[in-house]
Amino acid sequence: MGAVNALPLTGLAGGVTFAVVGHPPTDQAQRPAALSRSITPAYFAAMGIPLMEGRPLADSDTAQSSPVVVINQTLARRFWPGSGSVGGRIAIDQAAGTQVAEIVGVVGDTQAETVNGEEWPTIYGPYSQMPAIAMTMTVRTAGPPLALASAVAREIHWLDPDQPVADVRPMEEVVSAALAEPRFHTALLGTFAEIAFLLAAVGIYGVISYDVSQRTGEIGIRIALGAQPADVRRLILGQGARLAVYGIGAGLLGAGVLTRWMGTMLFGVEPTDVWTFAAISILLAVVALAASYLPSRRAMALDPVVALRHQ
């Protein structure tokens, strides 16, 4: 069971400016900024945030002991590109003045606002040394989280009967709320994509069907001269395949240009993911051939005498 002044994916919350001890000094106005998180020692374990270097905060890190902090990987990479951040010192600007703290550990990054958002430098300090006005309790459970909500509330009220307990929810709900807007945009784009896909299939069928009707006389002559049904099928399907190749080629070029603006709506996949482009191209090619199949069946069934009379 841990606590933090601001959960991941709920907003930037508080921040501080700081300076790295041993680096060239900078003016107060030009100092870098980082998110400031006040936590209890068990917070990282409760949230499953991995420890990458050093040690986590401990119960022995009290207001009477030397100031210590844990930083995230983004901050460590920015100011200690190789290694050696553990043991370094940073001067943190606070309301009561500048406090120099030793870095005792480095933890993995968490997203402050959105799942695929910017990775902010973050400084974690013990609550005893960096107190916050409000804290959110985090509890890791072995079963359904809400099943223990009443038990946790009872423990809190046993410690402090006047302490309100509100907004109890599993972390999955927090993640779902952060994903609501990009999920809506993705669903909207998916709906438009399905409509476009259907229109493409109908369009290919209409073009091939119209072309077959215009070439009835030619097909009749081919059949009269000995063309087999398989030859006619290859002729019609070949035309559909050529249209599909031209269309897919143009679509890939357009997608390569336009998908760069979709990066904020994607998670776990790049806008120019090769496997996604390949899968969609194959699917469109299959649909194009399927849409060409019915007109090819009709052309194969043409009576050469009727076809020539139509000409």
C-alpha atoms as a PDB file:
ATOM      1  CA  MET A   1       0.000   0.000   0.000  1.00  0.00           C
ATOM      2  CA  GLY A   2       1.460   3.325  -1.062  1.00  0.00           C
ATOM      3  CA  ALA A   3       0.443   6.901  -1.699  1.00  0.00           C
ATOM      4  CA  VAL A   4       1.254   9.644  -4.201  1.00  0.00           C
ATOM      5  CA  ASN A   5       0.173  13.228  -4.714  1.00  0.00           C
ATOM      6  CA  ALA A   6      -0.783  12.596  -8.385  1.00  0.00           C
ATOM      7  CA  LEU A   7      -1.536   9.297 -10.097  1.00  0.00           C
ATOM      8  CA  PRO A   8      -0.188   8.562 -13.576  1.00  0.00           C
ATOM      9  CA  LEU A   9      -2.537   9.479 -16.449  1.00  0.00           C
ATOM     10  CA  THR A  10      -4.407  12.046 -14.337  1.00  0.00           C
ATOM     11  CA  GLY A  11      -2.507  15.209 -15.284  1.00  0.00           C
ATOM     12  CA  LEU A  12       0.800  16.945 -14.797  1.00  0.00           C
ATOM     13  CA  ALA A  13      -0.040  18.211 -11.281  1.00  0.00           C
ATOM     14  CA  GLY A  14       2.868  19.905  -9.508  1.00  0.00           C
ATOM     15  CA  GLY A  15       6.314  20.598 -10.867  1.00  0.00           C
ATOM     16  CA  VAL A  16       9.615  22.055  -9.722  1.00  0.00           C
ATOM     17  CA  THR A  17      12.687  23.599 -11.258  1.00  0.00           C
ATOM     18  CA  PHE A  18      16.075  22.202 -10.381  1.00  0.00           C
ATOM     19  CA  ALA A  19      19.785  22.314 -11.072  1.00  0.00           C
ATOM     20  CA  VAL A  20      22.250  19.434 -11.247  1.00  0.00           C
ATOM     21  CA  VAL A  21      25.028  19.890  -8.719  1.00  0.00           C
ATOM     22  CA  GLY A  22      28.362  19.785 -10.516  1.00  0.00           C
ATOM     23  CA  HIS A  23      26.952  21.001 -13.840  1.00  0.00           C
ATOM     24  CA  PRO A  24      27.548  24.572 -15.014  1.00  0.00           C
ATOM     25  CA  PRO A  25      25.268  26.899 -13.024  1.00  0.00           C
ATOM     26  CA  THR A  26      22.250  28.425 -14.769  1.00  0.00           C
ATOM     27  CA  ASP A  27      20.036  31.401 -14.009  1.00  0.00           C
ATOM     28  CA  GLN A  28      16.962  30.688 -11.918  1.00  0.00           C
ATOM     29  CA  ALA A  29      14.657  31.492 -14.858  1.00  0.00           C
ATOM     30  CA  GLN A  30      16.494  29.085 -17.165  1.00  0.00           C
ATOM     31  CA  ARG A  31      16.571  26.059 -14.896  1.00  0.00           C
ATOM     32  CA  PRO A  32      15.000  22.844 -16.254  1.00  0.00           C
ATOM     33  CA  ALA A  33      11.638  21.713 -14.918  1.00  0.00           C
ATOM     34  CA  ALA A  34      10.441  18.322 -13.757  1.00  0.00           C
ATOM     35  CA  LEU A  35       7.252  16.861 -12.377  1.00  0.00           C
ATOM     36  CA  SER A  36       7.307  16.608  -8.602  1.00  0.00           C
ATOM     37  CA  ARG A  37       5.837  13.539  -6.945  1.00  0.00           C
ATOM     38  CA  SER A  38       5.547  13.122  -3.190  1.00  0.00           C
ATOM     39  CA  ILE A  39       5.272   9.421  -2.383  1.00  0.00           C
ATOM     40  CA  THR A  40       5.405   6.889   0.425  1.00  0.00           C
ATOM     41  CA  PRO A  41       8.058   4.124   0.264  1.00  0.00           C
ATOM     42  CA  ALA A  42       5.654   1.382  -0.930  1.00  0.00           C
ATOM     43  CA  TYR A  43       4.287   3.401  -3.864  1.00  0.00           C
ATOM     44  CA  PHE A  44       6.562   1.908  -6.532  1.00  0.00           C
ATOM     45  CA  ALA A  45       5.747  -1.660  -5.483  1.00  0.00           C
ATOM     46  CA  ALA A  46       2.004  -0.940  -5.340  1.00  0.00           C
ATOM     47  CA  MET A  47       2.014   0.531  -8.856  1.00  0.00           C
ATOM     48  CA  GLY A  48       4.445  -1.974 -10.332  1.00  0.00           C
ATOM     49  CA  ILE A  49       6.930   0.730 -11.354  1.00  0.00           C
ATOM     50  CA  PRO A  50      10.282  -1.025 -11.905  1.00  0.00           C
ATOM     51  CA  LEU A  51      13.457   0.008 -10.134  1.00  0.00           C
ATOM     52  CA  MET A  52      16.218   0.388 -12.754  1.00  0.00           C
ATOM     53  CA  GLU A  53      19.146   1.493 -10.587  1.00  0.00           C
ATOM     54  CA  GLY A  54      19.962   2.092  -6.933  1.00  0.00           C
ATOM     55  CA  ARG A  55      17.323   1.664  -4.253  1.00  0.00           C
ATOM     56  CA  PRO A  56      13.742   2.829  -3.705  1.00  0.00           C
ATOM     57  CA  LEU A  57      12.770   5.252  -0.972  1.00  0.00           C
ATOM     58  CA  ALA A  58      12.634   3.717   2.491  1.00  0.00           C
ATOM     59  CA  ASP A  59      10.952   4.308   5.848  1.00  0.00           C
ATOM     60  CA  SER A  60      14.321   5.510   7.121  1.00  0.00           C
ATOM     61  CA  ASP A  61      14.128   8.515   4.753  1.00  0.00           C
ATOM     62  CA  THR A  62      12.532  10.865   7.269  1.00  0.00           C
ATOM     63  CA  ALA A  63      12.415  14.609   7.765  1.00  0.00           C
ATOM     64  CA  GLN A  64      15.405  14.305  10.086  1.00  0.00           C
ATOM     65  CA  SER A  65      17.587  12.335   7.654  1.00  0.00           C
ATOM     66  CA  SER A  66      19.511  13.646   4.643  1.00  0.00           C
ATOM     67  CA  PRO A  67      17.275  14.689   1.701  1.00  0.00           C
ATOM     68  CA  VAL A  68      17.003  11.974  -0.960  1.00  0.00           C
ATOM     69  CA  VAL A  69      15.052  11.557  -4.174  1.00  0.00           C
ATOM     70  CA  VAL A  70      14.411   8.963  -6.864  1.00  0.00           C
ATOM     71  CA  ILE A  71      14.287  10.102 -10.494  1.00  0.00           C
ATOM     72  CA  ASN A  72      12.777   8.524 -13.598  1.00  0.00           C
ATOM     73  CA  GLN A  73      14.686   7.257 -16.630  1.00  0.00           C
ATOM     74  CA  THR A  74      13.858  10.314 -18.762  1.00  0.00           C
ATOM     75  CA  LEU A  75      15.566  12.656 -16.311  1.00  0.00           C
ATOM     76  CA  ALA A  76      18.500  10.261 -15.862  1.00  0.00           C
ATOM     77  CA  ARG A  77      19.065   9.949 -19.621  1.00  0.00           C
ATOM     78  CA  ARG A  78      18.901  13.697 -20.115  1.00  0.00           C
ATOM     79  CA  PHE A  79      21.480  14.700 -17.503  1.00  0.00           C
ATOM     80  CA  TRP A  80      23.475  11.461 -17.096  1.00  0.00           C
ATOM     81  CA  PRO A  81      23.503  10.029 -20.656  1.00  0.00           C
ATOM     82  CA  GLY A  82      25.753   7.109 -19.839  1.00  0.00           C
ATOM     83  CA  SER A  83      25.274   6.124 -16.208  1.00  0.00           C
ATOM     84  CA  GLY A  84      26.142   7.379 -12.773  1.00  0.00           C
ATOM     85  CA  SER A  85      22.981   9.246 -11.859  1.00  0.00           C
ATOM     86  CA  VAL A  86      22.752   7.327  -8.575  1.00  0.00           C
ATOM     87  CA  GLY A  87      24.832   9.227  -6.081  1.00  0.00           C
ATOM     88  CA  GLY A  88      24.420  12.478  -7.978  1.00  0.00           C
ATOM     89  CA  ARG A  89      22.861  15.501  -6.345  1.00  0.00           C
ATOM     90  CA  ILE A  90      20.250  17.963  -7.531  1.00  0.00           C
ATOM     91  CA  ALA A  91      19.207  21.317  -6.098  1.00  0.00           C
ATOM     92  CA  ILE A  92      15.396  21.472  -6.052  1.00  0.00           C
ATOM     93  CA  ASP A  93      13.651  24.841  -5.908  1.00  0.00           C
ATOM     94  CA  GLN A  94      10.851  24.726  -3.344  1.00  0.00           C
ATOM     95  CA  ALA A  95       8.639  27.282  -1.647  1.00  0.00           C
ATOM     96  CA  ALA A  96      10.794  27.157   1.483  1.00  0.00           C
ATOM     97  CA  GLY A  97      13.982  27.544  -0.551  1.00  0.00           C
ATOM     98  CA  THR A  98      16.390  25.410  -2.517  1.00  0.00           C
ATOM     99  CA  GLN A  99      17.001  21.939  -1.165  1.00  0.00           C
ATOM    100  CA  VAL A 100      19.929  19.782  -2.271  1.00  0.00           C
ATOM    101  CA  ALA A 101      19.010  16.094  -2.389  1.00  0.00           C
ATOM    102  CA  GLU A 102      20.962  12.966  -3.250  1.00  0.00           C
ATOM    103  CA  ILE A 103      19.674  10.671  -6.005  1.00  0.00           C
ATOM    104  CA  VAL A 104      19.380   7.180  -4.527  1.00  0.00           C
ATOM    105  CA  GLY A 105      17.555   5.399  -7.358  1.00  0.00           C
ATOM    106  CA  VAL A 106      16.179   5.467 -10.883  1.00  0.00           C
ATOM    107  CA  VAL A 107      12.744   4.043 -11.784  1.00  0.00           C
ATOM    108  CA  GLY A 108      10.929   3.400 -15.044  1.00  0.00           C
ATOM    109  CA  ASP A 109       8.929   6.114 -16.767  1.00  0.00           C
ATOM    110  CA  THR A 110       5.177   6.556 -16.318  1.00  0.00           C
ATOM    111  CA  GLN A 111       2.870   8.678 -18.448  1.00  0.00           C
ATOM    112  CA  ALA A 112       1.453  11.731 -16.717  1.00  0.00           C
ATOM    113  CA  GLU A 113      -1.412  12.631 -19.056  1.00  0.00           C
ATOM    114  CA  THR A 114      -1.961  10.192 -21.933  1.00  0.00           C
ATOM    115  CA  VAL A 115      -0.835   6.648 -22.655  1.00  0.00           C
ATOM    116  CA  ASN A 116       1.196   7.778 -25.647  1.00  0.00           C
ATOM    117  CA  GLY A 117       2.063  11.242 -24.352  1.00  0.00           C
ATOM    118  CA  GLU A 118       5.298  13.051 -23.652  1.00  0.00           C
ATOM    119  CA  GLU A 119       7.709  11.476 -21.194  1.00  0.00           C
ATOM    120  CA  TRP A 120       8.318  14.099 -18.531  1.00  0.00           C
ATOM    121  CA  PRO A 121      11.351  14.223 -16.248  1.00  0.00           C
ATOM    122  CA  THR A 122      10.053  13.274 -12.819  1.00  0.00           C
ATOM    123  CA  ILE A 123      11.457  13.634  -9.301  1.00  0.00           C
ATOM    124  CA  TYR A 124      10.048  11.392  -6.558  1.00  0.00           C
ATOM    125  CA  GLY A 125      10.624  12.518  -2.982  1.00  0.00           C
ATOM    126  CA  PRO A 126       9.537  10.935   0.311  1.00  0.00           C
ATOM    127  CA  TYR A 127       6.379  12.467   1.749  1.00  0.00           C
ATOM    128  CA  SER A 128       8.214  13.179   4.994  1.00  0.00           C
ATOM    129  CA  GLN A 129      10.645  15.451   3.126  1.00  0.00           C
ATOM    130  CA  MET A 130       8.384  16.712   0.315  1.00  0.00           C
ATOM    131  CA  PRO A 131       4.881  16.882   1.855  1.00  0.00           C
ATOM    132  CA  ALA A 132       1.837  17.459  -0.355  1.00  0.00           C
ATOM    133  CA  ILE A 133      -1.583  18.919   0.423  1.00  0.00           C
ATOM    134  CA  ALA A 134      -3.497  15.888  -0.889  1.00  0.00           C
ATOM    135  CA  MET A 135      -2.452  12.293  -1.480  1.00  0.00           C
ATOM    136  CA  THR A 136      -3.977   9.377  -3.358  1.00  0.00           C
ATOM    137  CA  MET A 137      -3.646   5.961  -1.762  1.00  0.00           C
ATOM    138  CA  THR A 138      -2.610   3.078  -4.024  1.00  0.00           C
ATOM    139  CA  VAL A 139      -3.318  -0.536  -3.063  1.00  0.00           C
ATOM    140  CA  ARG A 140      -2.143  -3.665  -4.909  1.00  0.00           C
ATOM    141  CA  THR A 141      -4.518  -6.609  -4.517  1.00  0.00           C
ATOM    142  CA  ALA A 142      -4.380 -10.281  -5.463  1.00  0.00           C
ATOM    143  CA  GLY A 143      -8.023 -10.327  -6.564  1.00  0.00           C
ATOM    144  CA  PRO A 144     -10.679  -7.880  -7.805  1.00  0.00           C
ATOM    145  CA  PRO A 145      -9.591  -4.448  -6.486  1.00  0.00           C
ATOM    146  CA  LEU A 146     -13.045  -3.155  -5.531  1.00  0.00           C
ATOM    147  CA  ALA A 147     -13.659  -6.219  -3.346  1.00  0.00           C
ATOM    148  CA  LEU A 148     -11.262  -4.722  -0.791  1.00  0.00           C
ATOM    149  CA  ALA A 149     -12.530  -1.138  -1.056  1.00  0.00           C
ATOM    150  CA  SER A 150     -14.687  -1.301   2.068  1.00  0.00           C
ATOM    151  CA  ALA A 151     -11.903  -2.961   4.092  1.00  0.00           C
ATOM    152  CA  VAL A 152      -9.416  -0.277   3.076  1.00  0.00           C
ATOM    153  CA  ALA A 153     -11.946   2.450   3.936  1.00  0.00           C
ATOM    154  CA  ARG A 154     -12.450   0.898   7.396  1.00  0.00           C
ATOM    155  CA  GLU A 155      -8.705   0.889   8.049  1.00  0.00           C
ATOM    156  CA  ILE A 156      -8.440   4.540   7.034  1.00  0.00           C
ATOM    157  CA  HIS A 157     -11.357   5.524   9.279  1.00  0.00           C
ATOM    158  CA  TRP A 158      -9.835   3.520  12.120  1.00  0.00           C
ATOM    159  CA  LEU A 159      -6.712   5.671  11.810  1.00  0.00           C
ATOM    160  CA  ASP A 160      -8.618   8.907  11.281  1.00  0.00           C
ATOM    161  CA  PRO A 161     -12.438   8.873  11.594  1.00  0.00           C
ATOM    162  CA  ASP A 162     -12.713  12.326   9.979  1.00  0.00           C
ATOM    163  CA  GLN A 163     -10.693  11.392   6.886  1.00  0.00           C
ATOM    164  CA  PRO A 164     -12.982  11.278   3.821  1.00  0.00           C
ATOM    165  CA  VAL A 165     -12.567   8.382   1.366  1.00  0.00           C
ATOM    166  CA  ALA A 166     -13.747   9.173  -2.151  1.00  0.00           C
ATOM    167  CA  ASP A 167     -13.224   8.278  -5.794  1.00  0.00           C
ATOM    168  CA  VAL A 168     -12.297   4.671  -5.138  1.00  0.00           C
ATOM    169  CA  ARG A 169     -11.614   3.000  -8.496  1.00  0.00           C
ATOM    170  CA  PRO A 170      -9.302   0.428 -10.047  1.00  0.00           C
ATOM    171  CA  MET A 171      -6.337   1.612 -12.094  1.00  0.00           C
ATOM    172  CA  GLU A 172      -7.952   0.057 -15.166  1.00  0.00           C
ATOM    173  CA  GLU A 173     -10.622   2.754 -14.903  1.00  0.00           C
ATOM    174  CA  VAL A 174      -7.984   5.476 -14.825  1.00  0.00           C
ATOM    175  CA  VAL A 175      -6.345   4.021 -17.936  1.00  0.00           C
ATOM    176  CA  SER A 176      -9.729   3.671 -19.658  1.00  0.00           C
ATOM    177  CA  ALA A 177     -10.570   7.326 -18.961  1.00  0.00           C
ATOM    178  CA  ALA A 178      -7.202   8.406 -20.391  1.00  0.00           C
ATOM    179  CA  LEU A 179      -7.884   6.331 -23.512  1.00  0.00           C
ATOM    180  CA  ALA A 180     -11.466   7.545 -24.025  1.00  0.00           C
ATOM    181  CA  GLU A 181     -10.679  10.358 -26.470  1.00  0.00           C
ATOM    182  CA  PRO A 182      -8.126   8.513 -28.638  1.00  0.00           C
ATOM    183  CA  ARG A 183     -10.402   5.444 -28.583  1.00  0.00           C
ATOM    184  CA  PHE A 184     -13.296   7.554 -29.903  1.00  0.00           C
ATOM    185  CA  HIS A 185     -11.117   9.009 -32.649  1.00  0.00           C
ATOM    186  CA  THR A 186      -9.891   5.542 -33.597  1.00  0.00           C
ATOM    187  CA  ALA A 187     -13.448   4.168 -33.677  1.00  0.00           C
ATOM    188  CA  LEU A 188     -14.540   7.080 -35.866  1.00  0.00           C
ATOM    189  CA  LEU A 189     -11.644   6.545 -38.256  1.00  0.00           C
ATOM    190  CA  GLY A 190     -12.364   2.817 -38.265  1.00  0.00           C
ATOM    191  CA  THR A 191     -15.986   3.448 -39.232  1.00  0.00           C
ATOM    192  CA  PHE A 192     -14.933   5.720 -42.081  1.00  0.00           C
ATOM    193  CA  ALA A 193     -12.362   3.131 -43.161  1.00  0.00           C
ATOM    194  CA  GLU A 194     -15.027   0.402 -43.269  1.00  0.00           C
ATOM    195  CA  ILE A 195     -17.304   2.623 -45.367  1.00  0.00           C
ATOM    196  CA  ALA A 196     -14.413   3.445 -47.704  1.00  0.00           C
ATOM    197  CA  PHE A 197     -13.563  -0.253 -47.924  1.00  0.00           C
ATOM    198  CA  LEU A 198     -17.127  -1.133 -48.906  1.00  0.00           C
ATOM    199  CA  LEU A 199     -17.276   1.692 -51.441  1.00  0.00           C
ATOM    200  CA  ALA A 200     -13.980   0.506 -52.952  1.00  0.00           C
ATOM    201  CA  ALA A 201     -15.335  -3.030 -53.368  1.00  0.00           C
ATOM    202  CA  VAL A 202     -18.598  -1.788 -54.919  1.00  0.00           C
ATOM    203  CA  GLY A 203     -16.659   0.601 -57.161  1.00  0.00           C
ATOM    204  CA  ILE A 204     -14.342  -2.121 -58.448  1.00  0.00           C
ATOM    205  CA  TYR A 205     -17.314  -4.392 -59.114  1.00  0.00           C
ATOM    206  CA  GLY A 206     -19.143  -1.615 -60.955  1.00  0.00           C
ATOM    207  CA  VAL A 207     -16.147  -0.704 -63.144  1.00  0.00           C
ATOM    208  CA  ILE A 208     -15.379  -4.319 -64.074  1.00  0.00           C
ATOM    209  CA  SER A 209     -19.066  -5.117 -64.674  1.00  0.00           C
ATOM    210  CA  TYR A 210     -19.480  -2.060 -66.908  1.00  0.00           C
ATOM    211  CA  ASP A 211     -16.318  -2.961 -68.834  1.00  0.00           C
ATOM    212  CA  VAL A 212     -17.575  -6.519 -69.397  1.00  0.00           C
ATOM    213  CA  SER A 213     -20.864  -5.174 -70.767  1.00  0.00           C
ATOM    214  CA  GLN A 214     -18.952  -2.858 -73.115  1.00  0.00           C
ATOM    215  CA  ARG A 215     -16.715  -5.685 -74.324  1.00  0.00           C
ATOM    216  CA  THR A 216     -19.484  -8.214 -74.894  1.00  0.00           C
ATOM    217  CA  GLY A 217     -18.795  -8.350 -78.625  1.00  0.00           C
ATOM    218  CA  GLU A 218     -15.037  -8.761 -78.120  1.00  0.00           C
ATOM    219  CA  ILE A 219     -15.564 -11.552 -75.603  1.00  0.00           C
ATOM    220  CA  GLY A 220     -18.009 -13.252 -77.970  1.00  0.00           C
ATOM    221  CA  ILE A 221     -15.430 -13.170 -80.772  1.00  0.00           C
ATOM    222  CA  ARG A 222     -12.753 -14.593 -78.458  1.00  0.00           C
ATOM    223  CA  ILE A 223     -15.052 -17.445 -77.465  1.00  0.00           C
ATOM    224  CA  ALA A 224     -16.054 -18.048 -81.114  1.00  0.00           C
ATOM    225  CA  LEU A 225     -12.367 -18.269 -82.054  1.00  0.00           C
ATOM    226  CA  GLY A 226     -11.751 -20.933 -79.427  1.00  0.00           C
ATOM    227  CA  ALA A 227     -11.073 -19.069 -76.187  1.00  0.00           C
ATOM    228  CA  GLN A 228     -11.806 -21.262 -73.176  1.00  0.00           C
ATOM    229  CA  PRO A 229     -13.815 -20.078 -70.144  1.00  0.00           C
ATOM    230  CA  ALA A 230     -10.594 -20.072 -68.117  1.00  0.00           C
ATOM    231  CA  ASP A 231      -9.053 -17.674 -70.665  1.00  0.00           C
ATOM    232  CA  VAL A 232     -12.001 -15.287 -70.307  1.00  0.00           C
ATOM    233  CA  ARG A 233     -11.772 -15.511 -66.504  1.00  0.00           C
ATOM    234  CA  ARG A 234      -8.065 -14.658 -66.579  1.00  0.00           C
ATOM    235  CA  LEU A 235      -8.800 -11.688 -68.866  1.00  0.00           C
ATOM    236  CA  ILE A 236     -11.382 -10.179 -66.524  1.00  0.00           C
ATOM    237  CA  LEU A 237      -9.567 -10.998 -63.281  1.00  0.00           C
ATOM    238  CA  GLY A 238      -6.340  -9.629 -64.775  1.00  0.00           C
ATOM    239  CA  GLN A 239      -8.035  -6.307 -65.415  1.00  0.00           C
ATOM    240  CA  GLY A 240      -9.304  -6.238 -61.845  1.00  0.00           C
ATOM    241  CA  ALA A 241      -5.816  -7.066 -60.552  1.00  0.00           C
ATOM    242  CA  ARG A 242      -4.294  -4.200 -62.554  1.00  0.00           C
ATOM    243  CA  LEU A 243      -6.829  -1.773 -61.125  1.00  0.00           C
ATOM    244  CA  ALA A 244      -6.065  -3.089 -57.626  1.00  0.00           C
ATOM    245  CA  VAL A 245      -2.304  -2.656 -58.087  1.00  0.00           C
ATOM    246  CA  TYR A 246      -2.703   0.919 -59.327  1.00  0.00           C
ATOM    247  CA  GLY A 247      -5.127   1.776 -56.519  1.00  0.00           C
ATOM    248  CA  ILE A 248      -3.064   0.135 -53.764  1.00  0.00           C
ATOM    249  CA  GLY A 249       0.091   1.855 -55.021  1.00  0.00           C
ATOM    250  CA  ALA A 250      -1.593   5.256 -54.957  1.00  0.00           C
ATOM    251  CA  GLY A 251      -3.114   4.493 -51.544  1.00  0.00           C
ATOM    252  CA  LEU A 252       0.245   3.529 -50.050  1.00  0.00           C
ATOM    253  CA  LEU A 253       1.808   6.765 -51.270  1.00  0.00           C
ATOM    254  CA  GLY A 254      -1.055   8.811 -49.820  1.00  0.00           C
ATOM    255  CA  ALA A 255      -1.027   6.868 -46.550  1.00  0.00           C
ATOM    256  CA  GLY A 256       2.710   7.352 -46.169  1.00  0.00           C
ATOM    257  CA  VAL A 257       2.165  11.110 -46.305  1.00  0.00           C
ATOM    258  CA  LEU A 258      -1.022  11.387 -44.236  1.00  0.00           C
ATOM    259  CA  THR A 259      -0.384   8.909 -41.408  1.00  0.00           C
ATOM    260  CA  ARG A 260       2.294  11.122 -39.849  1.00  0.00           C
ATOM    261  CA  TRP A 261      -0.580  13.217 -38.428  1.00  0.00           C
ATOM    262  CA  MET A 262      -2.128  10.132 -36.792  1.00  0.00           C
ATOM    263  CA  GLY A 263       0.769   9.435 -34.432  1.00  0.00           C
ATOM    264  CA  THR A 264      -1.045  10.829 -31.372  1.00  0.00           C
ATOM    265  CA  MET A 265      -3.950   8.410 -31.895  1.00  0.00           C
ATOM    266  CA  LEU A 266      -1.787   5.290 -32.097  1.00  0.00           C
ATOM    267  CA  PHE A 267      -0.300   3.247 -29.300  1.00  0.00           C
ATOM    268  CA  GLY A 268       2.040   0.306 -29.687  1.00  0.00           C
ATOM    269  CA  VAL A 269       2.338   0.745 -33.450  1.00  0.00           C
ATOM    270  CA  GLU A 270       4.151   3.221 -35.660  1.00  0.00           C
ATOM    271  CA  PRO A 271       2.207   5.327 -38.216  1.00  0.00           C
ATOM    272  CA  THR A 272       4.235   3.670 -41.002  1.00  0.00           C
ATOM    273  CA  ASP A 273       4.138   0.108 -39.650  1.00  0.00           C
ATOM    274  CA  VAL A 274       5.218  -2.167 -42.518  1.00  0.00           C
ATOM    275  CA  TRP A 275       3.210  -5.192 -41.400  1.00  0.00           C
ATOM    276  CA  THR A 276      -0.002  -3.179 -41.111  1.00  0.00           C
ATOM    277  CA  PHE A 277       0.470  -1.691 -44.576  1.00  0.00           C
ATOM    278  CA  ALA A 278       1.237  -5.142 -46.010  1.00  0.00           C
ATOM    279  CA  ALA A 279      -1.819  -6.766 -44.388  1.00  0.00           C
ATOM    280  CA  ILE A 280      -4.192  -4.037 -45.608  1.00  0.00           C
ATOM    281  CA  SER A 281      -2.706  -4.183 -49.124  1.00  0.00           C
ATOM    282  CA  ILE A 282      -3.221  -7.948 -49.297  1.00  0.00           C
ATOM    283  CA  LEU A 283      -6.774  -7.611 -47.984  1.00  0.00           C
ATOM    284  CA  LEU A 284      -7.604  -4.943 -50.570  1.00  0.00           C
ATOM    285  CA  ALA A 285      -6.121  -7.097 -53.338  1.00  0.00           C
ATOM    286  CA  VAL A 286      -8.282 -10.055 -52.262  1.00  0.00           C
ATOM    287  CA  VAL A 287     -11.404  -7.851 -52.185  1.00  0.00           C
ATOM    288  CA  ALA A 288     -10.576  -6.473 -55.648  1.00  0.00           C
ATOM    289  CA  LEU A 289     -10.255  -9.982 -57.091  1.00  0.00           C
ATOM    290  CA  ALA A 290     -13.460 -11.075 -55.338  1.00  0.00           C
ATOM    291  CA  ALA A 291     -15.299  -8.050 -56.766  1.00  0.00           C
ATOM    292  CA  SER A 292     -14.000  -8.991 -60.233  1.00  0.00           C
ATOM    293  CA  TYR A 293     -15.060 -12.620 -59.939  1.00  0.00           C
ATOM    294  CA  LEU A 294     -18.812 -12.143 -60.555  1.00  0.00           C
ATOM    295  CA  PRO A 295     -18.321 -10.155 -63.790  1.00  0.00           C
ATOM    296  CA  SER A 296     -15.826 -12.819 -64.934  1.00  0.00           C
ATOM    297  CA  ARG A 297     -18.421 -15.558 -64.281  1.00  0.00           C
ATOM    298  CA  ARG A 298     -20.952 -13.647 -66.340  1.00  0.00           C
ATOM    299  CA  ALA A 299     -18.452 -13.219 -69.181  1.00  0.00           C
ATOM    300  CA  MET A 300     -17.592 -16.943 -69.124  1.00  0.00           C
ATOM    301  CA  ALA A 301     -21.273 -17.789 -69.543  1.00  0.00           C
ATOM    302  CA  LEU A 302     -21.746 -15.614 -72.661  1.00  0.00           C
ATOM    303  CA  ASP A 303     -23.227 -17.343 -75.732  1.00  0.00           C
ATOM    304  CA  PRO A 304     -20.965 -16.301 -78.657  1.00  0.00           C
ATOM    305  CA  VAL A 305     -23.970 -16.034 -81.008  1.00  0.00           C
ATOM    306  CA  VAL A 306     -25.823 -13.725 -78.640  1.00  0.00           C
ATOM    307  CA  ALA A 307     -22.645 -11.750 -78.007  1.00  0.00           C
ATOM    308  CA  LEU A 308     -21.986 -11.245 -81.712  1.00  0.00           C
ATOM    309  CA  ARG A 309     -25.601 -10.242 -82.313  1.00  0.00           C
ATOM    310  CA  HIS A 310     -25.208  -7.698 -79.471  1.00  0.00           C
ATOM    311  CA  GLN A 311     -22.187  -6.241 -81.306  1.00  0.00           C
END
